[in-house]
């Protein structure tokens, strides 16, 4: 009940133009944690893993044809008025699989923090972790 009342107070504060700077974190079985990130104008919301071991933001692209992209939210650059295509290729390998794609730039928002930033649009993902996770991407919180 306490959690519900805290969430209600946060929604009311946002509606009234107030903010406490908190970002809600979703706990999935004490194995994964998620936050929501909005990208684009109007905002497209993505459930991402906050990653203290990386400095990259990547999300699944709407033109991705890998199975994880078909079962998660994808970013539609054509729907955003603030999108800027950069187009550089990127590839990241994790212990549980990897992602490949291209870079783009758009407005991103985490809680009340908003910035125009570069990020990766994933066109191909492989690895079991991407199939079973609830995430639509990763938000790197480490330094460059």
N, C-alpha and C. Protein backbone atom coordinates (compact mmCIF):
# COMPACT_ATOMS: atom_id res chain seq x y z
N UNK A 1 0.83 -1.19 0.00
CA UNK A 1 0.00 0.00 0.00
C UNK A 1 0.87 1.25 0.00
N UNK A 2 1.96 1.21 0.76
CA UNK A 2 2.88 2.34 0.84
C UNK A 2 3.43 2.69 -0.54
N UNK A 3 3.79 1.66 -1.32
CA UNK A 3 4.33 1.86 -2.66
C UNK A 3 3.29 2.52 -3.58
N UNK A 4 2.06 2.08 -3.48
CA UNK A 4 0.99 2.65 -4.31
C UNK A 4 0.77 4.12 -3.97
N UNK A 5 0.78 4.45 -2.70
CA UNK A 5 0.60 5.85 -2.29
C UNK A 5 1.76 6.71 -2.75
N UNK A 6 2.98 6.18 -2.71
CA UNK A 6 4.14 6.92 -3.19
C UNK A 6 4.05 7.17 -4.69
N UNK A 7 3.62 6.16 -5.44
CA UNK A 7 3.45 6.32 -6.89
C UNK A 7 2.36 7.34 -7.20
N UNK A 8 1.26 7.30 -6.44
CA UNK A 8 0.17 8.26 -6.63
C UNK A 8 0.68 9.68 -6.38
N UNK A 9 1.44 9.88 -5.33
CA UNK A 9 1.99 11.21 -5.02
C UNK A 9 2.92 11.69 -6.12
N UNK A 10 3.72 10.78 -6.69
CA UNK A 10 4.64 11.15 -7.76
C UNK A 10 3.86 11.58 -9.01
N UNK A 11 2.82 10.84 -9.36
CA UNK A 11 2.02 11.18 -10.54
C UNK A 11 1.33 12.53 -10.33
N UNK A 12 0.79 12.75 -9.15
CA UNK A 12 0.15 14.03 -8.86
C UNK A 12 1.15 15.18 -8.92
N UNK A 13 2.35 14.98 -8.41
CA UNK A 13 3.37 16.02 -8.43
C UNK A 13 3.77 16.35 -9.87
N UNK A 14 3.93 15.34 -10.69
CA UNK A 14 4.26 15.58 -12.10
C UNK A 14 3.15 16.33 -12.80
N UNK A 15 1.92 15.96 -12.51
CA UNK A 15 0.77 16.63 -13.12
C UNK A 15 0.74 18.10 -12.72
N UNK A 16 1.16 18.41 -11.52
CA UNK A 16 1.17 19.79 -11.02
C UNK A 16 2.47 20.52 -11.34
N UNK A 17 3.34 19.91 -12.15
CA UNK A 17 4.59 20.57 -12.53
C UNK A 17 5.69 20.48 -11.49
N UNK A 18 5.52 19.63 -10.51
CA UNK A 18 6.54 19.45 -9.48
C UNK A 18 7.33 18.18 -9.76
N UNK A 19 8.51 18.08 -9.18
CA UNK A 19 9.29 16.86 -9.35
C UNK A 19 10.22 16.66 -8.16
N UNK A 20 10.43 15.41 -7.81
CA UNK A 20 11.39 15.11 -6.75
C UNK A 20 12.64 14.48 -7.32
N UNK A 21 12.74 14.35 -8.66
CA UNK A 21 13.92 13.81 -9.31
C UNK A 21 14.05 12.31 -9.24
N UNK A 22 13.07 11.63 -8.68
CA UNK A 22 13.15 10.18 -8.58
C UNK A 22 12.79 9.52 -9.91
N UNK A 23 13.45 8.39 -10.18
CA UNK A 23 13.17 7.58 -11.36
C UNK A 23 12.73 6.21 -10.85
N UNK A 24 11.50 5.82 -11.15
CA UNK A 24 11.03 4.50 -10.69
C UNK A 24 11.85 3.37 -11.31
N UNK A 25 12.19 2.38 -10.50
CA UNK A 25 12.94 1.22 -10.96
C UNK A 25 12.05 -0.01 -10.79
N UNK A 26 11.96 -0.80 -11.85
CA UNK A 26 11.19 -2.05 -11.80
C UNK A 26 12.14 -3.19 -11.47
N UNK A 27 11.79 -3.99 -10.49
CA UNK A 27 12.58 -5.14 -10.07
C UNK A 27 11.94 -6.40 -10.65
N UNK A 28 12.70 -7.15 -11.43
CA UNK A 28 12.22 -8.41 -11.99
C UNK A 28 12.94 -9.56 -11.30
N UNK A 29 12.30 -10.14 -10.30
CA UNK A 29 12.80 -11.33 -9.59
C UNK A 29 14.21 -11.15 -9.02
N UNK A 30 14.57 -9.96 -8.65
CA UNK A 30 15.90 -9.66 -8.12
C UNK A 30 17.02 -10.08 -9.06
N UNK A 31 16.73 -10.21 -10.36
CA UNK A 31 17.75 -10.59 -11.33
C UNK A 31 17.99 -9.51 -12.36
N UNK A 32 16.98 -8.73 -12.66
CA UNK A 32 17.12 -7.62 -13.61
C UNK A 32 16.34 -6.44 -13.07
N UNK A 33 16.85 -5.26 -13.37
CA UNK A 33 16.19 -4.03 -12.97
C UNK A 33 15.99 -3.19 -14.22
N UNK A 34 14.87 -2.49 -14.29
CA UNK A 34 14.52 -1.73 -15.47
C UNK A 34 14.09 -0.32 -15.11
N UNK A 35 14.35 0.61 -16.02
CA UNK A 35 13.82 1.97 -15.94
C UNK A 35 13.21 2.29 -17.31
N UNK A 36 12.34 3.29 -17.33
CA UNK A 36 11.78 3.73 -18.59
C UNK A 36 12.54 4.95 -19.09
N UNK A 37 12.84 4.94 -20.38
CA UNK A 37 13.49 6.06 -21.06
C UNK A 37 12.59 6.47 -22.22
N UNK A 38 12.35 7.75 -22.36
CA UNK A 38 11.59 8.27 -23.48
C UNK A 38 12.58 8.78 -24.52
N UNK A 39 12.34 8.45 -25.80
CA UNK A 39 13.20 8.90 -26.89
C UNK A 39 12.30 9.46 -27.98
N UNK A 40 12.67 10.65 -28.48
CA UNK A 40 11.97 11.24 -29.60
C UNK A 40 10.92 12.25 -29.22
N UNK A 41 10.35 12.88 -30.27
CA UNK A 41 9.29 13.87 -30.11
C UNK A 41 8.20 13.55 -31.12
N UNK A 42 7.02 13.12 -30.69
CA UNK A 42 6.61 12.87 -29.31
C UNK A 42 7.36 11.67 -28.73
N UNK A 43 7.37 11.57 -27.40
CA UNK A 43 8.17 10.52 -26.75
C UNK A 43 7.69 9.11 -27.06
N UNK A 44 8.66 8.24 -27.31
CA UNK A 44 8.43 6.80 -27.43
C UNK A 44 9.10 6.19 -26.20
N UNK A 45 8.38 5.41 -25.43
CA UNK A 45 8.88 4.89 -24.16
C UNK A 45 9.45 3.49 -24.32
N UNK A 46 10.64 3.32 -23.69
CA UNK A 46 11.34 2.03 -23.75
C UNK A 46 11.73 1.59 -22.35
N UNK A 47 11.59 0.30 -22.10
CA UNK A 47 12.03 -0.32 -20.86
C UNK A 47 13.47 -0.76 -21.07
N UNK A 48 14.39 -0.15 -20.32
CA UNK A 48 15.81 -0.41 -20.52
C UNK A 48 16.47 -0.85 -19.21
N UNK A 49 17.59 -1.53 -19.36
CA UNK A 49 18.39 -1.93 -18.21
C UNK A 49 19.38 -0.81 -17.91
N UNK A 50 19.37 -0.25 -16.70
CA UNK A 50 20.41 0.72 -16.34
C UNK A 50 21.71 -0.05 -16.09
N UNK A 51 22.74 0.26 -16.86
CA UNK A 51 23.98 -0.52 -16.86
C UNK A 51 25.14 0.36 -16.41
N UNK A 52 25.66 0.08 -15.22
CA UNK A 52 26.79 0.87 -14.71
C UNK A 52 28.11 0.44 -15.32
N UNK A 53 28.10 -0.60 -16.13
CA UNK A 53 29.33 -1.08 -16.75
C UNK A 53 29.52 -0.62 -18.19
N UNK A 54 28.62 0.22 -18.69
CA UNK A 54 28.77 0.72 -20.06
C UNK A 54 28.32 2.18 -20.12
N UNK A 55 28.59 2.82 -21.24
CA UNK A 55 28.21 4.23 -21.39
C UNK A 55 27.34 4.43 -22.63
N UNK A 56 26.73 3.36 -23.11
CA UNK A 56 25.96 3.44 -24.34
C UNK A 56 24.46 3.32 -24.07
N UNK A 57 23.69 4.08 -24.85
CA UNK A 57 22.25 3.87 -24.90
C UNK A 57 21.96 3.21 -26.23
N UNK A 58 21.29 2.08 -26.21
CA UNK A 58 20.81 1.48 -27.44
C UNK A 58 19.41 0.95 -27.22
N UNK A 59 18.61 0.99 -28.30
CA UNK A 59 17.25 0.47 -28.28
C UNK A 59 17.00 -0.24 -29.61
N UNK A 60 16.02 -1.11 -29.62
CA UNK A 60 15.69 -1.83 -30.84
C UNK A 60 15.08 -0.87 -31.86
N UNK A 61 15.51 -1.00 -33.12
CA UNK A 61 15.02 -0.15 -34.21
C UNK A 61 13.79 -0.77 -34.87
N UNK A 62 12.95 0.07 -35.43
CA UNK A 62 11.74 -0.43 -36.08
C UNK A 62 12.04 -1.28 -37.31
N UNK A 63 13.23 -1.11 -37.91
CA UNK A 63 13.58 -1.93 -39.08
C UNK A 63 14.38 -3.18 -38.70
N UNK A 64 14.46 -3.49 -37.42
CA UNK A 64 15.13 -4.70 -36.96
C UNK A 64 14.24 -5.91 -37.22
N UNK A 65 14.83 -6.99 -37.71
CA UNK A 65 14.07 -8.20 -38.02
C UNK A 65 14.45 -9.37 -37.13
N UNK A 66 15.32 -9.18 -36.15
CA UNK A 66 15.64 -10.24 -35.20
C UNK A 66 14.44 -10.51 -34.31
N UNK A 67 14.34 -11.73 -33.81
CA UNK A 67 13.19 -12.10 -32.99
C UNK A 67 13.01 -11.19 -31.77
N UNK A 68 14.08 -10.84 -31.02
CA UNK A 68 13.85 -9.95 -29.87
C UNK A 68 13.20 -8.62 -30.27
N UNK A 69 13.49 -8.13 -31.44
CA UNK A 69 12.91 -6.86 -31.89
C UNK A 69 11.42 -7.01 -32.19
N UNK A 70 11.02 -8.19 -32.56
CA UNK A 70 9.61 -8.43 -32.89
C UNK A 70 8.76 -8.60 -31.65
N UNK A 71 9.39 -8.84 -30.51
CA UNK A 71 8.64 -9.07 -29.27
C UNK A 71 8.83 -7.96 -28.24
N UNK A 72 9.50 -6.88 -28.63
CA UNK A 72 9.74 -5.74 -27.73
C UNK A 72 9.40 -4.44 -28.45
N UNK A 73 9.32 -3.35 -27.69
CA UNK A 73 9.09 -2.04 -28.28
C UNK A 73 10.27 -1.66 -29.16
N UNK A 74 9.99 -1.00 -30.28
CA UNK A 74 11.04 -0.55 -31.20
C UNK A 74 10.90 0.95 -31.46
N UNK A 75 12.03 1.58 -31.75
CA UNK A 75 12.08 3.02 -32.01
C UNK A 75 11.77 3.29 -33.48
N UNK A 76 10.81 4.17 -33.73
CA UNK A 76 10.43 4.55 -35.09
C UNK A 76 10.93 5.97 -35.34
N UNK A 77 12.05 6.08 -36.03
CA UNK A 77 12.66 7.40 -36.29
C UNK A 77 11.73 8.29 -37.11
N UNK A 78 10.94 7.70 -37.98
CA UNK A 78 10.03 8.50 -38.82
C UNK A 78 8.92 9.16 -38.01
N UNK A 79 8.66 8.66 -36.82
CA UNK A 79 7.62 9.22 -35.97
C UNK A 79 8.12 10.37 -35.09
N UNK A 80 9.43 10.66 -35.14
CA UNK A 80 10.02 11.69 -34.28
C UNK A 80 10.43 12.92 -35.08
N UNK A 81 9.94 14.07 -34.66
CA UNK A 81 10.29 15.32 -35.34
C UNK A 81 11.68 15.82 -34.97
N UNK A 82 12.31 15.24 -33.94
CA UNK A 82 13.64 15.68 -33.51
C UNK A 82 14.73 14.69 -33.88
N UNK A 83 14.41 13.68 -34.66
CA UNK A 83 15.37 12.66 -35.09
C UNK A 83 16.43 13.23 -36.02
N UNK A 84 17.67 12.76 -35.83
CA UNK A 84 18.77 13.09 -36.72
C UNK A 84 19.57 11.82 -36.96
N UNK A 85 19.60 11.37 -38.21
CA UNK A 85 20.34 10.15 -38.53
C UNK A 85 21.83 10.42 -38.60
N UNK A 86 22.62 9.64 -37.90
CA UNK A 86 24.08 9.74 -37.96
C UNK A 86 24.60 8.66 -38.89
N UNK A 87 24.18 7.42 -38.68
CA UNK A 87 24.45 6.33 -39.60
C UNK A 87 25.72 5.55 -39.41
N UNK A 88 26.53 5.86 -38.41
CA UNK A 88 27.74 5.07 -38.16
C UNK A 88 27.33 3.69 -37.63
N UNK A 89 28.01 2.66 -38.10
CA UNK A 89 27.75 1.30 -37.63
C UNK A 89 28.31 1.12 -36.23
N UNK A 90 27.66 0.26 -35.44
CA UNK A 90 28.21 -0.12 -34.14
C UNK A 90 27.91 -1.59 -33.90
N UNK A 91 28.73 -2.17 -33.04
CA UNK A 91 28.56 -3.57 -32.65
C UNK A 91 29.06 -3.71 -31.22
N UNK A 92 28.26 -4.34 -30.37
CA UNK A 92 28.62 -4.55 -28.97
C UNK A 92 28.44 -6.03 -28.65
N UNK A 93 29.47 -6.65 -28.10
CA UNK A 93 29.39 -8.05 -27.68
C UNK A 93 29.34 -8.10 -26.16
N UNK A 94 28.39 -8.82 -25.64
CA UNK A 94 28.26 -9.08 -24.21
C UNK A 94 28.55 -10.55 -23.98
N UNK A 95 28.67 -10.96 -22.75
CA UNK A 95 28.89 -12.37 -22.45
C UNK A 95 27.72 -13.24 -22.88
N UNK A 96 26.54 -12.64 -22.97
CA UNK A 96 25.32 -13.40 -23.28
C UNK A 96 24.83 -13.21 -24.71
N UNK A 97 25.58 -12.53 -25.54
CA UNK A 97 25.16 -12.29 -26.92
C UNK A 97 25.63 -10.92 -27.38
N UNK A 98 25.09 -10.46 -28.48
CA UNK A 98 25.53 -9.19 -29.00
C UNK A 98 24.46 -8.47 -29.80
N UNK A 99 24.74 -7.19 -30.09
CA UNK A 99 23.85 -6.37 -30.90
C UNK A 99 24.65 -5.64 -31.96
N UNK A 100 24.00 -5.39 -33.09
CA UNK A 100 24.61 -4.63 -34.18
C UNK A 100 23.57 -3.64 -34.68
N UNK A 101 24.04 -2.51 -35.16
CA UNK A 101 23.12 -1.53 -35.69
C UNK A 101 23.83 -0.29 -36.17
N UNK A 102 23.16 0.83 -36.06
CA UNK A 102 23.67 2.12 -36.52
C UNK A 102 23.33 3.20 -35.50
N UNK A 103 24.04 4.30 -35.57
CA UNK A 103 23.85 5.37 -34.59
C UNK A 103 22.88 6.43 -35.12
N UNK A 104 22.18 7.03 -34.19
CA UNK A 104 21.23 8.09 -34.47
C UNK A 104 21.32 9.12 -33.35
N UNK A 105 20.59 10.20 -33.50
CA UNK A 105 20.55 11.23 -32.47
C UNK A 105 19.10 11.69 -32.30
N UNK A 106 18.70 11.87 -31.05
CA UNK A 106 17.36 12.36 -30.77
C UNK A 106 17.31 12.83 -29.32
N UNK A 107 16.20 13.36 -28.93
CA UNK A 107 15.99 13.79 -27.55
C UNK A 107 15.69 12.56 -26.72
N UNK A 108 16.36 12.43 -25.58
CA UNK A 108 16.12 11.33 -24.65
C UNK A 108 15.79 11.90 -23.28
N UNK A 109 14.91 11.21 -22.55
CA UNK A 109 14.51 11.69 -21.24
C UNK A 109 14.47 10.54 -20.26
N UNK A 110 15.15 10.74 -19.13
CA UNK A 110 15.14 9.80 -18.01
C UNK A 110 14.65 10.60 -16.81
N UNK A 111 13.49 10.26 -16.30
CA UNK A 111 12.92 11.08 -15.23
C UNK A 111 12.69 12.48 -15.75
N UNK A 112 13.26 13.47 -15.05
CA UNK A 112 13.13 14.87 -15.47
C UNK A 112 14.32 15.35 -16.29
N UNK A 113 15.33 14.51 -16.46
CA UNK A 113 16.52 14.91 -17.22
C UNK A 113 16.28 14.67 -18.71
N UNK A 114 16.50 15.71 -19.50
CA UNK A 114 16.31 15.63 -20.95
C UNK A 114 17.58 16.11 -21.64
N UNK A 115 17.98 15.39 -22.70
CA UNK A 115 19.18 15.79 -23.45
C UNK A 115 19.07 15.26 -24.88
N UNK A 116 19.63 16.00 -25.80
CA UNK A 116 19.79 15.50 -27.16
C UNK A 116 21.06 14.67 -27.15
N UNK A 117 20.95 13.42 -27.58
CA UNK A 117 22.10 12.54 -27.47
C UNK A 117 22.14 11.52 -28.60
N UNK A 118 23.33 11.00 -28.81
CA UNK A 118 23.51 9.91 -29.78
C UNK A 118 23.17 8.59 -29.09
N UNK A 119 22.66 7.67 -29.85
CA UNK A 119 22.33 6.35 -29.31
C UNK A 119 22.37 5.34 -30.45
N UNK A 120 22.36 4.09 -30.09
CA UNK A 120 22.38 3.03 -31.09
C UNK A 120 20.99 2.51 -31.38
N UNK A 121 20.70 2.35 -32.66
CA UNK A 121 19.48 1.66 -33.07
C UNK A 121 19.88 0.25 -33.47
N UNK A 122 19.39 -0.73 -32.74
CA UNK A 122 19.77 -2.11 -32.98
C UNK A 122 18.96 -2.69 -34.14
N UNK A 123 19.70 -3.21 -35.11
CA UNK A 123 19.08 -3.84 -36.27
C UNK A 123 19.18 -5.36 -36.19
N UNK A 124 20.11 -5.86 -35.37
CA UNK A 124 20.28 -7.31 -35.22
C UNK A 124 20.71 -7.61 -33.78
N UNK A 125 20.04 -8.58 -33.15
CA UNK A 125 20.38 -9.00 -31.79
C UNK A 125 20.44 -10.51 -31.76
N UNK A 126 21.46 -11.04 -31.06
CA UNK A 126 21.54 -12.49 -30.90
C UNK A 126 21.97 -12.82 -29.49
N UNK A 127 21.44 -13.89 -28.97
CA UNK A 127 21.75 -14.31 -27.61
C UNK A 127 20.48 -14.53 -26.81
N UNK A 128 20.49 -15.55 -25.98
CA UNK A 128 19.32 -15.93 -25.19
C UNK A 128 18.83 -14.79 -24.32
N UNK A 129 19.73 -14.01 -23.75
CA UNK A 129 19.33 -12.94 -22.84
C UNK A 129 18.39 -11.95 -23.51
N UNK A 130 18.57 -11.71 -24.79
CA UNK A 130 17.73 -10.75 -25.50
C UNK A 130 16.35 -11.34 -25.81
N UNK A 131 16.26 -12.65 -25.90
CA UNK A 131 14.98 -13.30 -26.17
C UNK A 131 14.08 -13.32 -24.94
N UNK A 132 14.68 -13.54 -23.77
CA UNK A 132 13.87 -13.74 -22.57
C UNK A 132 13.72 -12.48 -21.70
N UNK A 133 14.53 -11.47 -21.91
CA UNK A 133 14.46 -10.28 -21.09
C UNK A 133 13.28 -9.39 -21.48
N UNK A 134 12.81 -8.61 -20.54
CA UNK A 134 11.75 -7.65 -20.79
C UNK A 134 12.28 -6.35 -21.38
N UNK A 135 13.58 -6.23 -21.52
CA UNK A 135 14.17 -4.96 -21.93
C UNK A 135 14.02 -4.69 -23.43
N UNK A 136 13.93 -3.40 -23.74
CA UNK A 136 13.94 -2.94 -25.13
C UNK A 136 15.27 -2.28 -25.47
N UNK A 137 16.20 -2.30 -24.51
CA UNK A 137 17.51 -1.69 -24.71
C UNK A 137 18.29 -1.59 -23.42
N UNK A 138 19.41 -0.88 -23.53
CA UNK A 138 20.30 -0.69 -22.38
C UNK A 138 20.64 0.79 -22.27
N UNK A 139 20.65 1.30 -21.05
CA UNK A 139 21.06 2.67 -20.77
C UNK A 139 22.35 2.62 -19.99
N UNK A 140 23.46 2.95 -20.65
CA UNK A 140 24.76 2.96 -19.97
C UNK A 140 24.89 4.17 -19.08
N UNK A 141 25.28 3.94 -17.83
CA UNK A 141 25.42 5.02 -16.84
C UNK A 141 26.87 5.32 -16.50
N UNK A 142 27.80 4.61 -17.12
CA UNK A 142 29.23 4.81 -16.82
C UNK A 142 29.75 6.01 -17.62
N UNK A 143 30.96 6.43 -17.29
CA UNK A 143 31.60 7.51 -18.04
C UNK A 143 31.94 7.04 -19.44
N UNK A 144 32.19 7.99 -20.34
CA UNK A 144 32.57 7.65 -21.72
C UNK A 144 33.73 6.69 -21.75
